[in-house]
């Protein structure tokens, strides 16, 4: 990573402070994919499940009482007498007009589908629009940001997710029976990474044969549709649902960063089809178990086998929490057959109250392995560690940083994803299949902010550094067939600067 890139990134980071995959596999493999219980933030009206409290969400600051003053860093500050009393302009950055004021006012959320009839029937219809721009100073010739998915296009606008869902949640209060359902639909460039084999796509190599859309970048995915029955402390889903694994999620508005870690993109499933049950053992402990049709798979063409998923979530009295998940089953490999795959993910969250009430720390570890996975019928392993630190200034502004190490030990997971547009072999819908087989470690550091203009609008600027240490299939690159991970196939590192804008409706 050269000095000019570092200087540029430092300048952007300074401006931020002052101003305020499917999980992919190697070529020829179905695309793996997740909204789970441990995302950064679920707003009450667009949450995947209102009953799931995000243990990692930074603690809300208590509102100041009328006539009192929050901590002020300037001597002699006076107090307003409004309901949300805050320091006046004499306190500089904490003045009422500043985004750094801990008493910011987001206002009320509005919804397009907000009528008494829906509320009376416990039906919620909502969604959001997420649109982004990513600047890659390397200006890669293929316009792809290397193995980075979702925000994968360099130096161009993307409508990532135009998202809509309808749900009727279940609630028995621990006793009785209730019925509900949910359906989600996504349009945008992210749809390419959220298809299921046999549903939105055809055949065993599902991402190369789109069924719903044949456009190069834009299309539609039916990310969830299931029925749910609640019996006492059990909730049982039947249908197509987000895999309850890991920390980051499919619904981008529930993540802190627009840009996703390698762990999520390449190491975990996004969606599953089958039956999954959640048992609320007590107020702080939840157990999950289910049978599915494999990672990101809908019918028998790509994977005729059944798999198992299990999980355990617990919250502790000090505000920390832990979420464990495991998946096992036969999954497609590089030879065109299937073999046994195992994945475990662990997420730990803890508010750092000893340092500051505004700090929250999150750590995630993954470990995956698959038998006879490579073309040489060798076993493959992938594993890594992600660490997050969030600093919540107010309900309007939060800063965050993520540091990631992801190791694709055998070059089985990271790289070429998505085929070409049917009949247009030069119009690749994702990273070329030549850009795969990276046996080594991927490192990534991302820093950014979430600033809420209102209860319905959030902007998320960020800067991201990626670098690779390992063996490329063709480390020096050849004209017409370069194979390093970044910069059109000729680089082992890259810098990305970008932002997205999320509007809830």
Protein backbone atom coordinates (compact mmCIF):
# COMPACT_ATOMS: atom_id res chain seq x y z
CA UNK A 1 0.00 0.00 0.00
CA UNK A 2 1.81 3.16 -1.15
CA UNK A 3 2.15 6.39 0.78
CA UNK A 4 -0.13 8.36 -1.51
CA UNK A 5 -2.99 6.00 -0.75
CA UNK A 6 -2.38 6.30 2.97
CA UNK A 7 -2.23 10.08 2.77
CA UNK A 8 -5.43 10.24 0.77
CA UNK A 9 -7.22 7.90 3.17
CA UNK A 10 -6.00 9.95 6.12
CA UNK A 11 -7.36 13.11 4.56
CA UNK A 12 -10.77 11.55 4.00
CA UNK A 13 -10.85 10.19 7.54
CA UNK A 14 -10.08 13.69 8.79
CA UNK A 15 -12.95 15.11 6.78
CA UNK A 16 -15.32 12.51 8.22
CA UNK A 17 -14.35 13.52 11.73
CA UNK A 18 -14.64 17.20 11.03
CA UNK A 19 -17.85 17.11 9.06
CA UNK A 20 -19.68 14.96 10.87
CA UNK A 21 -22.53 -12.33 -0.96
CA UNK A 22 -24.04 -14.31 -1.42
CA UNK A 23 -20.95 -15.47 0.44
CA UNK A 24 -19.05 -16.45 -2.63
CA UNK A 25 -17.14 -19.61 -3.38
CA UNK A 26 -14.61 -20.49 -6.01
CA UNK A 27 -15.55 -20.89 -9.67
CA UNK A 28 -18.16 -23.51 -10.39
CA UNK A 29 -19.63 -23.50 -6.89
CA UNK A 30 -23.04 -22.30 -5.81
CA UNK A 31 -23.03 -19.02 -4.02
CA UNK A 32 -23.35 -19.38 -0.27
CA UNK A 33 -25.13 -16.29 1.85
CA UNK A 34 -27.32 -13.99 6.20
CA UNK A 35 -29.82 -11.73 8.46
CA UNK A 36 -29.23 -13.04 11.89
CA UNK A 37 -29.86 -12.11 15.46
CA UNK A 38 -26.71 -10.13 16.12
CA UNK A 39 -26.57 -7.28 13.60
CA UNK A 40 -25.36 -3.82 14.61
CA UNK A 41 -28.78 -2.19 14.75
CA UNK A 42 -32.37 -3.12 14.08
CA UNK A 43 -34.88 -0.30 14.19
CA UNK A 44 -38.14 -1.45 15.75
CA UNK A 45 -40.17 -1.00 12.61
CA UNK A 46 -37.90 -2.65 10.08
CA UNK A 47 -36.41 -5.37 12.24
CA UNK A 48 -36.28 -8.89 10.84
CA UNK A 49 -37.94 -10.00 14.06
CA UNK A 50 -39.02 -7.49 16.70
CA UNK A 51 -38.51 -10.14 19.37
CA UNK A 52 -34.78 -10.24 18.66
CA UNK A 53 -32.96 -7.60 20.66
CA UNK A 54 -29.55 -6.74 19.15
CA UNK A 55 -27.16 -7.37 22.00
CA UNK A 56 -24.39 -5.50 20.17
CA UNK A 57 -26.27 -2.27 19.67
CA UNK A 58 -24.54 0.53 21.54
CA UNK A 59 -26.40 1.52 24.67
CA UNK A 60 -28.90 4.33 24.29
CA UNK A 61 -27.99 7.52 26.12
CA UNK A 62 -30.56 8.52 28.72
CA UNK A 63 -32.37 11.75 27.77
CA UNK A 64 -31.48 14.78 29.81
CA UNK A 65 -34.14 16.03 32.17
CA UNK A 66 -35.64 19.47 31.58
CA UNK A 67 -33.56 22.20 33.09
CA UNK A 68 -30.42 20.05 33.37
CA UNK A 69 -27.26 20.20 31.35
CA UNK A 70 -25.31 17.30 29.83
CA UNK A 71 -21.53 17.13 30.26
CA UNK A 72 -19.99 20.30 28.87
CA UNK A 73 -16.37 20.81 27.90
CA UNK A 74 -16.45 24.59 28.21
CA UNK A 75 -16.57 26.40 31.52
CA UNK A 76 -19.61 28.48 32.32
CA UNK A 77 -22.01 26.75 29.93
CA UNK A 78 -25.66 27.47 30.66
CA UNK A 79 -28.66 25.21 30.22
CA UNK A 80 -31.76 25.46 28.11
CA UNK A 81 -35.13 24.68 29.65
CA UNK A 82 -36.59 22.68 26.76
CA UNK A 83 -37.60 19.05 27.19
CA UNK A 84 -34.33 17.89 25.67
CA UNK A 85 -32.14 20.27 27.62
CA UNK A 86 -28.64 20.65 26.21
CA UNK A 87 -25.73 23.00 26.50
CA UNK A 88 -26.00 26.26 24.61
CA UNK A 89 -23.70 27.68 21.95
CA UNK A 90 -21.20 28.58 24.66
CA UNK A 91 -20.19 24.93 24.68
CA UNK A 92 -19.01 24.86 21.07
CA UNK A 93 -19.34 21.34 19.61
CA UNK A 94 -22.09 20.48 22.09
CA UNK A 95 -24.34 23.35 21.00
CA UNK A 96 -27.95 22.53 20.06
CA UNK A 97 -27.21 22.92 16.35
CA UNK A 98 -24.25 20.54 16.37
CA UNK A 99 -24.36 16.90 15.29
CA UNK A 100 -22.13 16.17 18.29
CA UNK A 101 -24.87 17.25 20.69
CA UNK A 102 -25.96 14.18 22.71
CA UNK A 103 -29.53 15.49 22.72
CA UNK A 104 -30.08 15.43 18.94
CA UNK A 105 -33.70 15.15 17.83
CA UNK A 106 -34.40 12.57 15.11
CA UNK A 107 -38.11 13.28 15.00
CA UNK A 108 -40.80 10.71 14.26
CA UNK A 109 -40.46 7.97 11.67
CA UNK A 110 -42.89 7.99 8.81
CA UNK A 111 -44.09 4.96 6.86
CA UNK A 112 -45.77 4.62 3.50
CA UNK A 113 -47.91 1.73 4.72
CA UNK A 114 -49.20 3.07 8.01
CA UNK A 115 -52.91 2.62 8.53
CA UNK A 116 -55.13 1.52 11.45
CA UNK A 117 -56.32 -1.58 9.57
CA UNK A 118 -52.78 -2.99 9.34
CA UNK A 119 -52.06 -2.20 12.97
CA UNK A 120 -55.29 -3.85 14.14
CA UNK A 121 -54.29 -7.04 12.36
CA UNK A 122 -50.67 -6.87 13.58
CA UNK A 123 -49.40 -6.57 9.99
CA UNK A 124 -46.29 -4.54 9.20
CA UNK A 125 -45.34 -3.48 5.68
CA UNK A 126 -42.10 -1.52 5.39
CA UNK A 127 -38.79 -1.27 3.59
CA UNK A 128 -35.89 0.95 2.62
CA UNK A 129 -33.72 2.13 -0.27
CA UNK A 130 -29.92 1.90 -0.07
CA UNK A 131 -27.81 3.61 -2.75
CA UNK A 132 -24.03 3.93 -2.78
CA UNK A 133 -20.95 5.27 -4.52
CA UNK A 134 -17.48 3.72 -4.13
CA UNK A 135 -14.29 5.43 -5.27
CA UNK A 136 -11.33 3.20 -6.03
CA UNK A 137 -8.20 5.37 -6.61
CA UNK A 138 -6.58 2.48 -8.52
CA UNK A 139 -9.29 2.84 -11.19
CA UNK A 140 -9.26 -0.88 -12.12
CA UNK A 141 -9.81 -1.57 -15.80
CA UNK A 142 -12.58 -4.08 -15.12
CA UNK A 143 -14.39 -1.64 -12.76
CA UNK A 144 -14.61 -4.28 -10.00
CA UNK A 145 -13.28 -3.73 -6.47
CA UNK A 146 -11.54 -7.09 -6.44
CA UNK A 147 -13.15 -9.78 -4.29
CA UNK A 148 -15.27 -7.16 -2.47
CA UNK A 149 -18.91 -7.91 -3.22
CA UNK A 150 -22.10 -5.83 -2.90
CA UNK A 151 -20.25 -2.48 -3.12
CA UNK A 152 -18.31 -4.22 -5.88
CA UNK A 153 -18.34 -1.61 -8.66
CA UNK A 154 -15.48 0.89 -8.76
CA UNK A 155 -16.16 4.58 -9.38
CA UNK A 156 -19.84 4.32 -10.16
CA UNK A 157 -23.26 4.69 -8.56
CA UNK A 158 -25.15 1.61 -7.37
CA UNK A 159 -28.74 1.20 -6.25
CA UNK A 160 -27.82 -1.63 -3.92
CA UNK A 161 -31.12 -2.52 -2.30
CA UNK A 162 -34.67 -1.40 -2.93
CA UNK A 163 -36.21 -3.54 -0.21
CA UNK A 164 -39.80 -4.31 0.80
CA UNK A 165 -41.24 -6.77 3.27
CA UNK A 166 -44.57 -7.67 4.84
CA UNK A 167 -44.93 -9.59 8.08
CA UNK A 168 -47.30 -10.66 10.78
CA UNK A 169 -45.26 -11.40 13.88
CA UNK A 170 -46.21 -14.00 16.46
CA UNK A 171 -46.44 -13.43 20.19
CA UNK A 172 -47.86 -15.87 22.69
CA UNK A 173 -46.43 -14.24 25.79
CA UNK A 174 -45.00 -17.67 26.61
CA UNK A 175 -48.37 -19.42 26.57
CA UNK A 176 -50.75 -20.39 23.78
CA UNK A 177 -50.61 -20.58 19.99
CA UNK A 178 -50.20 -17.84 17.38
CA UNK A 179 -49.63 -17.80 13.61
CA UNK A 180 -47.64 -15.41 11.44
CA UNK A 181 -45.69 -15.03 8.21
CA UNK A 182 -43.11 -12.92 6.43
CA UNK A 183 -42.14 -12.17 2.84
CA UNK A 184 -39.15 -10.08 1.62
CA UNK A 185 -38.25 -8.92 -1.86
CA UNK A 186 -35.06 -7.12 -2.94
CA UNK A 187 -34.31 -5.23 -6.15
CA UNK A 188 -30.91 -3.75 -6.99
CA UNK A 189 -27.31 -4.71 -7.62
CA UNK A 190 -27.09 -6.71 -4.37
CA UNK A 191 -29.63 -9.17 -5.72
CA UNK A 192 -26.80 -10.92 -7.60
CA UNK A 193 -25.32 -12.11 -4.30
CA UNK A 194 -28.61 -13.16 -2.73
CA UNK A 195 -30.01 -15.75 -5.12
CA UNK A 196 -30.82 -19.37 -4.28
CA UNK A 197 -30.06 -22.24 -6.64
CA UNK A 198 -33.36 -23.43 -8.11
CA UNK A 199 -35.28 -20.31 -7.06
CA UNK A 200 -33.94 -17.18 -8.79
CA UNK A 201 -31.45 -19.21 -10.82
CA UNK A 202 -31.26 -22.52 -12.68
CA UNK A 203 -29.02 -25.52 -12.54
CA UNK A 204 -26.13 -26.67 -10.36
CA UNK A 205 -24.02 -23.57 -11.11
CA UNK A 206 -26.85 -21.26 -10.13
CA UNK A 207 -25.16 -17.90 -10.27
CA UNK A 208 -24.34 -18.40 -13.96
CA UNK A 209 -27.93 -19.09 -15.01
CA UNK A 210 -30.29 -16.35 -13.79
CA UNK A 211 -33.96 -17.28 -13.93
CA UNK A 212 -35.58 -14.02 -12.80
CA UNK A 213 -33.33 -11.38 -14.41
CA UNK A 214 -30.88 -11.46 -17.30
CA UNK A 215 -29.63 -7.89 -16.81
CA UNK A 216 -25.95 -7.46 -16.08
CA UNK A 217 -26.23 -5.84 -12.64
CA UNK A 218 -29.85 -5.21 -11.65
CA UNK A 219 -32.49 -7.73 -10.77
CA UNK A 220 -34.83 -9.15 -8.14
CA UNK A 221 -34.36 -11.71 -5.36
CA UNK A 222 -37.05 -13.21 -3.13
CA UNK A 223 -34.89 -13.27 -0.04
CA UNK A 224 -37.45 -14.57 2.47
CA UNK A 225 -40.90 -16.14 2.49
CA UNK A 226 -42.03 -18.31 5.35
CA UNK A 227 -44.90 -19.14 7.66
CA UNK A 228 -44.43 -19.17 11.41
CA UNK A 229 -46.26 -20.84 14.26
CA UNK A 230 -45.62 -19.92 17.88
CA UNK A 231 -46.41 -22.48 20.56
CA UNK A 232 -45.74 -21.32 24.11
CA UNK A 233 -41.98 -20.54 24.13
CA UNK A 234 -41.33 -22.01 20.67
CA UNK A 235 -41.35 -20.25 17.30
CA UNK A 236 -41.13 -22.47 14.21
CA UNK A 237 -40.50 -21.13 10.70
CA UNK A 238 -41.25 -23.15 7.57
CA UNK A 239 -40.05 -21.84 4.22
CA UNK A 240 -37.19 -19.67 3.00
CA UNK A 241 -35.34 -17.62 5.66
CA UNK A 242 -32.08 -15.84 6.46
CA UNK A 243 -29.44 -18.10 7.99
CA UNK A 244 -29.03 -17.21 11.70
CA UNK A 245 -25.21 -17.21 11.68
CA UNK A 246 -22.48 -14.61 12.11
CA UNK A 247 -22.68 -10.87 12.82
CA UNK A 248 -23.22 -8.99 9.57
CA UNK A 249 -26.51 -9.40 7.71
CA UNK A 250 -28.14 -9.31 4.27
CA UNK A 251 -30.33 -6.29 5.06
CA UNK A 252 -27.71 -3.58 4.68
CA UNK A 253 -29.60 -1.08 6.84
CA UNK A 254 -28.93 -3.33 9.85
CA UNK A 255 -25.14 -3.25 9.38
CA UNK A 256 -22.87 -0.41 10.43
CA UNK A 257 -20.75 -0.35 7.26
CA UNK A 258 -22.01 -0.48 3.65
CA UNK A 259 -18.90 -2.52 2.75
CA UNK A 260 -18.91 -6.10 3.99
CA UNK A 261 -16.08 -8.20 5.47
CA UNK A 262 -14.61 -11.18 3.64
CA UNK A 263 -15.85 -13.42 6.44
CA UNK A 264 -19.43 -12.64 5.57
CA UNK A 265 -19.00 -12.59 1.81
CA UNK A 266 -17.11 -15.86 1.45
CA UNK A 267 -17.32 -17.79 4.68
CA UNK A 268 -21.01 -18.02 5.61
CA UNK A 269 -24.43 -18.92 4.17
CA UNK A 270 -26.91 -16.11 3.53
CA UNK A 271 -30.21 -17.93 3.09
CA UNK A 272 -31.66 -21.36 3.76
CA UNK A 273 -34.86 -23.22 2.95
CA UNK A 274 -36.39 -25.64 5.42
CA UNK A 275 -37.65 -25.68 9.00
CA UNK A 276 -36.05 -23.86 11.92
CA UNK A 277 -37.23 -23.58 15.52
CA UNK A 278 -36.34 -21.01 18.18
CA UNK A 279 -36.85 -21.84 21.84
CA UNK A 280 -36.90 -19.05 24.41
CA UNK A 281 -35.45 -20.93 27.37
CA UNK A 282 -35.63 -17.84 29.59
CA UNK A 283 -35.49 -14.07 29.24
CA UNK A 284 -31.77 -14.16 28.40
CA UNK A 285 -31.25 -17.51 26.65
CA UNK A 286 -32.37 -18.64 23.20
CA UNK A 287 -31.74 -21.99 21.47
CA UNK A 288 -32.04 -22.49 17.69
CA UNK A 289 -32.22 -25.75 15.72
CA UNK A 290 -33.34 -26.58 12.21
CA UNK A 291 -33.14 -28.70 9.06
CA UNK A 292 -32.33 -27.00 5.76
CA UNK A 293 -31.71 -27.75 2.09
CA UNK A 294 -28.11 -26.54 2.20
CA UNK A 295 -26.41 -23.17 1.82
CA UNK A 296 -28.30 -20.83 -0.52
CA UNK A 297 -30.08 -23.69 -2.18
CA UNK A 298 -33.76 -24.23 -2.96
CA UNK A 299 -34.13 -27.47 -4.96
CA UNK A 300 -32.31 -30.74 -5.65
CA UNK A 301 -30.32 -29.72 -8.73
CA UNK A 302 -27.48 -27.94 -6.94
CA UNK A 303 -27.73 -29.91 -3.70
CA UNK A 304 -30.06 -32.85 -3.01
CA UNK A 305 -28.91 -33.19 0.62
CA UNK A 306 -30.29 -31.96 3.92
CA UNK A 307 -28.23 -30.02 6.45
CA UNK A 308 -28.50 -29.05 10.10
CA UNK A 309 -28.19 -25.65 11.75
CA UNK A 310 -28.03 -24.96 15.47
CA UNK A 311 -27.42 -21.94 17.64
CA UNK A 312 -27.22 -20.65 21.19
CA UNK A 313 -27.60 -17.02 22.30
CA UNK A 314 -27.23 -15.65 25.81
CA UNK A 315 -27.21 -12.18 27.37
CA UNK A 316 -25.43 -11.48 30.66
CA UNK A 317 -26.09 -9.08 33.52
CA UNK A 318 -23.14 -6.84 32.60
CA UNK A 319 -24.67 -6.13 29.18
CA UNK A 320 -22.42 -8.53 27.28
CA UNK A 321 -23.75 -11.32 25.08
CA UNK A 322 -22.61 -14.33 23.12
CA UNK A 323 -24.08 -15.98 20.02
CA UNK A 324 -22.88 -19.38 18.77
CA UNK A 325 -23.97 -21.06 15.53
CA UNK A 326 -23.04 -24.27 13.67
CA UNK A 327 -24.02 -25.69 10.30
CA UNK A 328 -23.23 -29.19 9.02
CA UNK A 329 -24.16 -31.04 5.86
CA UNK A 330 -23.07 -32.01 2.37
CA UNK A 331 -22.43 -29.02 0.10
CA UNK A 332 -21.19 -28.57 -3.50
CA UNK A 333 -17.43 -28.59 -4.05
CA UNK A 334 -15.06 -27.63 -6.87
CA UNK A 335 -15.30 -31.04 -8.57
CA UNK A 336 -19.02 -30.72 -9.30
CA UNK A 337 -20.07 -33.19 -6.59
CA UNK A 338 -20.90 -32.68 -2.92
CA UNK A 339 -18.96 -33.38 0.26
CA UNK A 340 -19.26 -32.79 4.00
CA UNK A 341 -18.97 -29.15 5.15
CA UNK A 342 -18.81 -27.77 8.70
CA UNK A 343 -19.02 -24.15 9.83
CA UNK A 344 -19.05 -22.55 13.26
CA UNK A 345 -19.40 -18.86 14.06
CA UNK A 346 -19.05 -17.15 17.44
CA UNK A 347 -20.02 -13.55 18.20
CA UNK A 348 -19.20 -11.81 21.48
CA UNK A 349 -20.35 -8.32 22.38
CA UNK A 350 -19.54 -6.16 25.39
CA UNK A 351 -20.23 -2.53 26.31
CA UNK A 352 -16.99 -0.98 27.57
CA UNK A 353 -18.57 0.91 30.47
CA UNK A 354 -15.31 0.96 32.43
CA UNK A 355 -13.89 3.25 29.72
CA UNK A 356 -17.01 5.02 28.45
CA UNK A 357 -20.75 4.40 28.28
CA UNK A 358 -20.51 5.28 24.60
CA UNK A 359 -18.15 2.43 23.64
CA UNK A 360 -19.16 -1.08 22.50
CA UNK A 361 -16.80 -3.88 21.42
CA UNK A 362 -17.76 -6.83 19.21
CA UNK A 363 -15.66 -9.83 18.16
CA UNK A 364 -16.57 -12.57 15.69
CA UNK A 365 -14.63 -15.72 14.86
CA UNK A 366 -15.40 -18.20 12.06
CA UNK A 367 -14.06 -21.63 11.26
CA UNK A 368 -15.12 -23.68 8.24
CA UNK A 369 -13.91 -26.87 6.63
CA UNK A 370 -15.01 -29.10 3.76
CA UNK A 371 -13.85 -32.61 2.82
CA UNK A 372 -12.52 -33.27 -0.69
CA UNK A 373 -13.33 -29.71 -1.64
CA UNK A 374 -10.70 -28.76 -4.23
CA UNK A 375 -10.13 -29.97 -7.79
CA UNK A 376 -7.36 -32.15 -6.34
CA UNK A 377 -9.87 -33.64 -3.84
CA UNK A 378 -8.06 -32.04 -0.93
CA UNK A 379 -9.77 -30.86 2.21
CA UNK A 380 -10.25 -27.08 2.52
CA UNK A 381 -10.28 -24.78 5.54
CA UNK A 382 -11.24 -21.13 6.02
CA UNK A 383 -11.25 -19.15 9.24
CA UNK A 384 -10.79 -15.67 10.60
CA UNK A 385 -11.40 -13.01 13.22
CA UNK A 386 -13.32 -9.74 12.96
CA UNK A 387 -13.20 -7.06 15.65
CA UNK A 388 -15.40 -3.96 15.90
CA UNK A 389 -15.37 -0.88 18.10
CA UNK A 390 -18.30 1.56 18.11
CA UNK A 391 -18.40 5.00 19.72
CA UNK A 392 -21.91 6.42 19.99
CA UNK A 393 -21.86 10.21 20.21
CA UNK A 394 -25.64 10.54 20.12
CA UNK A 395 -28.73 9.04 18.54
CA UNK A 396 -27.69 10.95 15.40
CA UNK A 397 -24.00 10.04 15.17
CA UNK A 398 -21.90 6.93 15.77
CA UNK A 399 -18.31 6.19 14.74
CA UNK A 400 -17.02 2.69 14.09
CA UNK A 401 -13.96 0.73 13.05
CA UNK A 402 -13.57 -2.88 11.90
CA UNK A 403 -10.37 -4.91 11.65
CA UNK A 404 -10.52 -8.26 9.86
CA UNK A 405 -8.28 -11.21 9.19
CA UNK A 406 -9.75 -13.92 6.93
CA UNK A 407 -7.67 -16.89 5.81
CA UNK A 408 -8.63 -18.98 2.80
CA UNK A 409 -6.05 -21.64 3.55
CA UNK A 410 -6.48 -23.67 0.38
CA UNK A 411 -7.71 -21.04 -2.06
CA UNK A 412 -11.16 -22.63 -2.08
CA UNK A 413 -13.46 -19.81 -0.98
CA UNK A 414 -12.38 -16.35 -2.16
CA UNK A 415 -12.51 -15.18 -5.73
CA UNK A 416 -14.36 -15.37 -9.03
CA UNK A 417 -18.08 -15.02 -8.57
CA UNK A 418 -21.07 -14.70 -10.90
CA UNK A 419 -21.06 -15.66 -14.55
CA UNK A 420 -21.70 -13.64 -17.68
CA UNK A 421 -24.97 -12.29 -19.02
CA UNK A 422 -26.56 -15.07 -21.13
CA UNK A 423 -25.44 -14.64 -24.73
CA UNK A 424 -22.94 -11.92 -23.76
CA UNK A 425 -19.73 -13.67 -22.64
CA UNK A 426 -17.90 -10.33 -22.29
CA UNK A 427 -20.48 -8.89 -19.88
CA UNK A 428 -19.46 -10.41 -16.58
CA UNK A 429 -21.96 -9.84 -13.77
CA UNK A 430 -19.22 -10.18 -11.14
CA UNK A 431 -15.51 -10.85 -10.67
CA UNK A 432 -14.08 -13.05 -13.43
CA UNK A 433 -13.60 -16.75 -12.69
CA UNK A 434 -9.90 -16.26 -13.47
CA UNK A 435 -9.60 -14.19 -10.31
CA UNK A 436 -9.78 -17.04 -7.78
CA UNK A 437 -7.60 -19.60 -6.04
CA UNK A 438 -6.01 -17.26 -3.49
CA UNK A 439 -4.41 -19.47 -0.87
CA UNK A 440 -3.53 -17.08 1.91
CA UNK A 441 -4.76 -14.35 4.24
CA UNK A 442 -6.93 -11.35 3.46
CA UNK A 443 -6.69 -8.34 5.77
CA UNK A 444 -9.07 -5.41 5.92
CA UNK A 445 -9.50 -2.29 8.05
CA UNK A 446 -12.61 -0.15 7.63
CA UNK A 447 -13.42 3.07 9.48
CA UNK A 448 -16.56 5.14 9.11
CA UNK A 449 -19.54 6.86 10.63
CA UNK A 450 -23.32 6.61 10.70
CA UNK A 451 -25.04 9.98 10.66
CA UNK A 452 -28.82 10.14 10.86
CA UNK A 453 -30.37 13.22 9.33
CA UNK A 454 -33.74 12.06 10.63
CA UNK A 455 -35.43 8.93 11.89
CA UNK A 456 -35.79 7.83 8.25
CA UNK A 457 -32.48 8.87 6.66
CA UNK A 458 -28.91 7.73 7.37
CA UNK A 459 -25.66 8.42 5.53
CA UNK A 460 -22.71 6.04 6.06
CA UNK A 461 -19.30 7.30 4.81
CA UNK A 462 -16.29 5.00 5.14
CA UNK A 463 -12.70 4.36 4.11
CA UNK A 464 -11.45 0.80 3.63
CA UNK A 465 -7.96 -0.72 3.22
CA UNK A 466 -7.58 -4.28 1.83
CA UNK A 467 -4.43 -6.32 1.31
CA UNK A 468 -3.61 -9.94 0.53
CA UNK A 469 -0.69 -12.06 1.72
CA UNK A 470 -0.39 -15.45 0.09
CA UNK A 471 -0.19 -17.25 -3.24
CA UNK A 472 -2.10 -16.24 -6.35
CA UNK A 473 -2.79 -18.73 -9.09
CA UNK A 474 -0.86 -16.46 -11.44
CA UNK A 475 1.04 -13.99 -9.21
CA UNK A 476 2.68 -11.96 -11.99
CA UNK A 477 -0.35 -11.71 -14.21
CA UNK A 478 -0.41 -12.28 -17.95
CA UNK A 479 -1.85 -9.97 -20.58
CA UNK A 480 -5.53 -10.78 -20.87
CA UNK A 481 -5.44 -13.08 -17.86
CA UNK A 482 -4.26 -11.25 -14.72
CA UNK A 483 -5.03 -13.07 -11.50
CA UNK A 484 -4.03 -11.05 -8.44
CA UNK A 485 -7.02 -10.17 -6.28
CA UNK A 486 -7.09 -6.35 -6.71
CA UNK A 487 -6.56 -3.60 -9.29
CA UNK A 488 -7.98 -5.48 -12.25
CA UNK A 489 -5.89 -8.53 -11.36
CA UNK A 490 -2.53 -6.80 -10.99
CA UNK A 491 -2.50 -5.73 -7.32
CA UNK A 492 -2.35 -7.28 -3.86
CA UNK A 493 -3.89 -4.26 -2.10
CA UNK A 494 -6.45 -1.53 -2.60
CA UNK A 495 -8.04 1.49 -0.93
CA UNK A 496 -11.75 2.23 -1.17
CA UNK A 497 -13.56 5.41 -0.14
CA UNK A 498 -17.30 5.51 -0.30
CA UNK A 499 -20.65 6.20 1.27
CA UNK A 500 -24.23 5.11 1.02
CA UNK A 501 -27.56 6.73 1.77
CA UNK A 502 -30.37 4.76 3.39
CA UNK A 503 -33.99 5.92 3.34
CA UNK A 504 -36.58 4.01 5.32
CA UNK A 505 -40.18 3.91 4.14
